[in-house]
Amino acid sequence: MIARDSERGVLLTVHVQPNASRTECVGIHGDAIKIRVAARPIQGAANEELIRFIADRCSLARTQIQIHGGAETRRKRLCVQGVTAEVLVARLLPHDSKGTVKK
């Protein structure tokens, strides 16, 4: 399960690749969305960049995104408020030139 709606918000599973040249969502990685972040995994910098990226991409406040599990691992569980699972995934996943989602 990549994302699902819950009473608290969308529960999202993310696979993070730190130390990338730029922050971007690259598609699906198993049962998670893979996001490369242009930050090192030191003192929470990669987590902060992940939250910034999702907030910017989905037009949300950073306070609407919380890490619920995996703060110190590549695989993270996030809770995202103010958006549905369908909209969240559509805004995060990269699109090809035809406008369809790449998986």
Protein backbone atom coordinates (compact mmCIF):
# COMPACT_ATOMS: atom_id res chain seq x y z
CA MET A 1 0.00 0.00 0.00
CA ILE A 2 1.54 3.28 -1.12
CA ALA A 3 -1.09 5.66 0.25
CA ARG A 4 -4.44 5.32 1.96
CA ASP A 5 -6.91 7.69 3.52
CA SER A 6 -7.41 7.53 7.29
CA GLU A 7 -9.12 9.63 9.96
CA ARG A 8 -5.83 11.45 10.66
CA GLY A 9 -4.98 12.09 7.01
CA VAL A 10 -3.26 10.18 4.23
CA LEU A 11 -0.84 7.49 5.36
CA LEU A 12 1.97 7.48 2.80
CA THR A 13 4.89 5.06 2.44
CA VAL A 14 8.05 6.61 0.99
CA HIS A 15 11.46 5.21 0.04
CA VAL A 16 13.99 8.04 0.33
CA GLN A 17 17.32 8.21 -1.49
CA PRO A 18 19.47 10.92 0.13
CA ASN A 19 22.47 12.73 -1.41
CA ALA A 20 20.81 13.15 -4.81
CA SER A 21 21.78 15.95 -7.17
CA ARG A 22 18.20 17.29 -7.00
CA THR A 23 15.01 16.52 -5.11
CA GLU A 24 12.46 14.65 -7.23
CA CYS A 25 9.97 11.82 -7.19
CA VAL A 26 11.17 9.06 -9.51
CA GLY A 27 8.27 6.60 -9.33
CA ILE A 28 7.29 3.46 -7.47
CA HIS A 29 9.74 1.37 -5.44
CA GLY A 30 7.99 -1.84 -4.32
CA ASP A 31 5.03 -0.66 -2.23
CA ALA A 32 6.37 2.88 -1.73
CA ILE A 33 6.89 6.10 -3.66
CA LYS A 34 10.60 6.69 -4.28
CA ILE A 35 11.81 10.23 -3.73
CA ARG A 36 15.40 11.36 -4.21
CA VAL A 37 16.37 14.23 -1.90
CA ALA A 38 19.18 16.72 -2.36
CA ALA A 39 20.22 16.57 1.28
CA ARG A 40 22.42 14.40 3.43
CA PRO A 41 20.88 12.17 6.09
CA ILE A 42 22.58 14.10 8.88
CA GLN A 43 20.72 15.86 11.71
CA GLY A 44 17.38 15.43 9.97
CA ALA A 45 18.32 17.40 6.83
CA ALA A 46 16.99 14.71 4.46
CA ASN A 47 13.72 14.48 6.41
CA GLU A 48 13.30 18.26 6.29
CA GLU A 49 13.93 18.29 2.53
CA LEU A 50 11.42 15.44 2.03
CA ILE A 51 8.73 17.35 3.93
CA ARG A 52 9.54 20.58 2.05
CA PHE A 53 9.29 18.78 -1.31
CA ILE A 54 5.93 17.14 -0.54
CA ALA A 55 4.51 20.37 0.90
CA ASP A 56 5.59 22.39 -2.14
CA ARG A 57 4.40 19.80 -4.67
CA CYS A 58 0.99 19.46 -2.99
CA SER A 59 0.49 23.13 -1.96
CA LEU A 60 0.38 22.23 1.74
CA ALA A 61 1.93 23.72 4.85
CA ARG A 62 4.92 21.80 6.19
CA THR A 63 3.05 21.39 9.48
CA GLN A 64 0.49 19.23 7.63
CA ILE A 65 3.15 16.55 7.02
CA GLN A 66 4.55 14.41 9.82
CA ILE A 67 6.87 11.43 9.87
CA HIS A 68 5.17 8.65 11.83
CA GLY A 69 7.79 5.97 11.34
CA GLY A 70 11.27 5.48 9.93
CA ALA A 71 12.70 8.91 10.73
CA GLU A 72 16.20 7.41 10.70
CA THR A 73 15.73 4.94 7.83
CA ARG A 74 15.17 5.19 4.08
CA ARG A 75 11.68 3.72 4.34
CA LYS A 76 9.33 6.17 6.00
CA ARG A 77 5.66 6.34 6.95
CA LEU A 78 4.18 9.81 6.68
CA CYS A 79 0.84 11.27 7.67
CA VAL A 80 -0.27 14.03 5.28
CA GLN A 81 -3.28 16.18 6.16
CA GLY A 82 -5.40 18.34 3.88
CA VAL A 83 -5.38 16.14 0.78
CA THR A 84 -6.76 12.75 -0.32
CA ALA A 85 -4.59 9.73 -1.11
CA GLU A 86 -5.55 9.86 -4.79
CA VAL A 87 -4.64 13.55 -5.15
CA LEU A 88 -1.41 13.14 -3.16
CA VAL A 89 -0.13 10.29 -5.31
CA ALA A 90 -1.14 12.07 -8.53
CA ARG A 91 0.78 15.21 -7.50
CA LEU A 92 3.89 13.33 -6.43
CA LEU A 93 4.39 10.77 -9.19
CA PRO A 94 6.25 11.91 -12.31
CA HIS A 95 4.25 12.19 -15.54
CA ASP A 96 5.46 11.34 -19.02
CA SER A 97 4.96 13.64 -21.99
CA LYS A 98 1.45 12.23 -22.61
CA GLY A 99 0.34 13.26 -19.12
CA THR A 100 0.05 9.71 -17.80
CA VAL A 101 1.66 8.63 -14.56
CA LYS A 102 4.88 6.63 -14.86
CA LYS A 103 5.07 3.61 -12.55
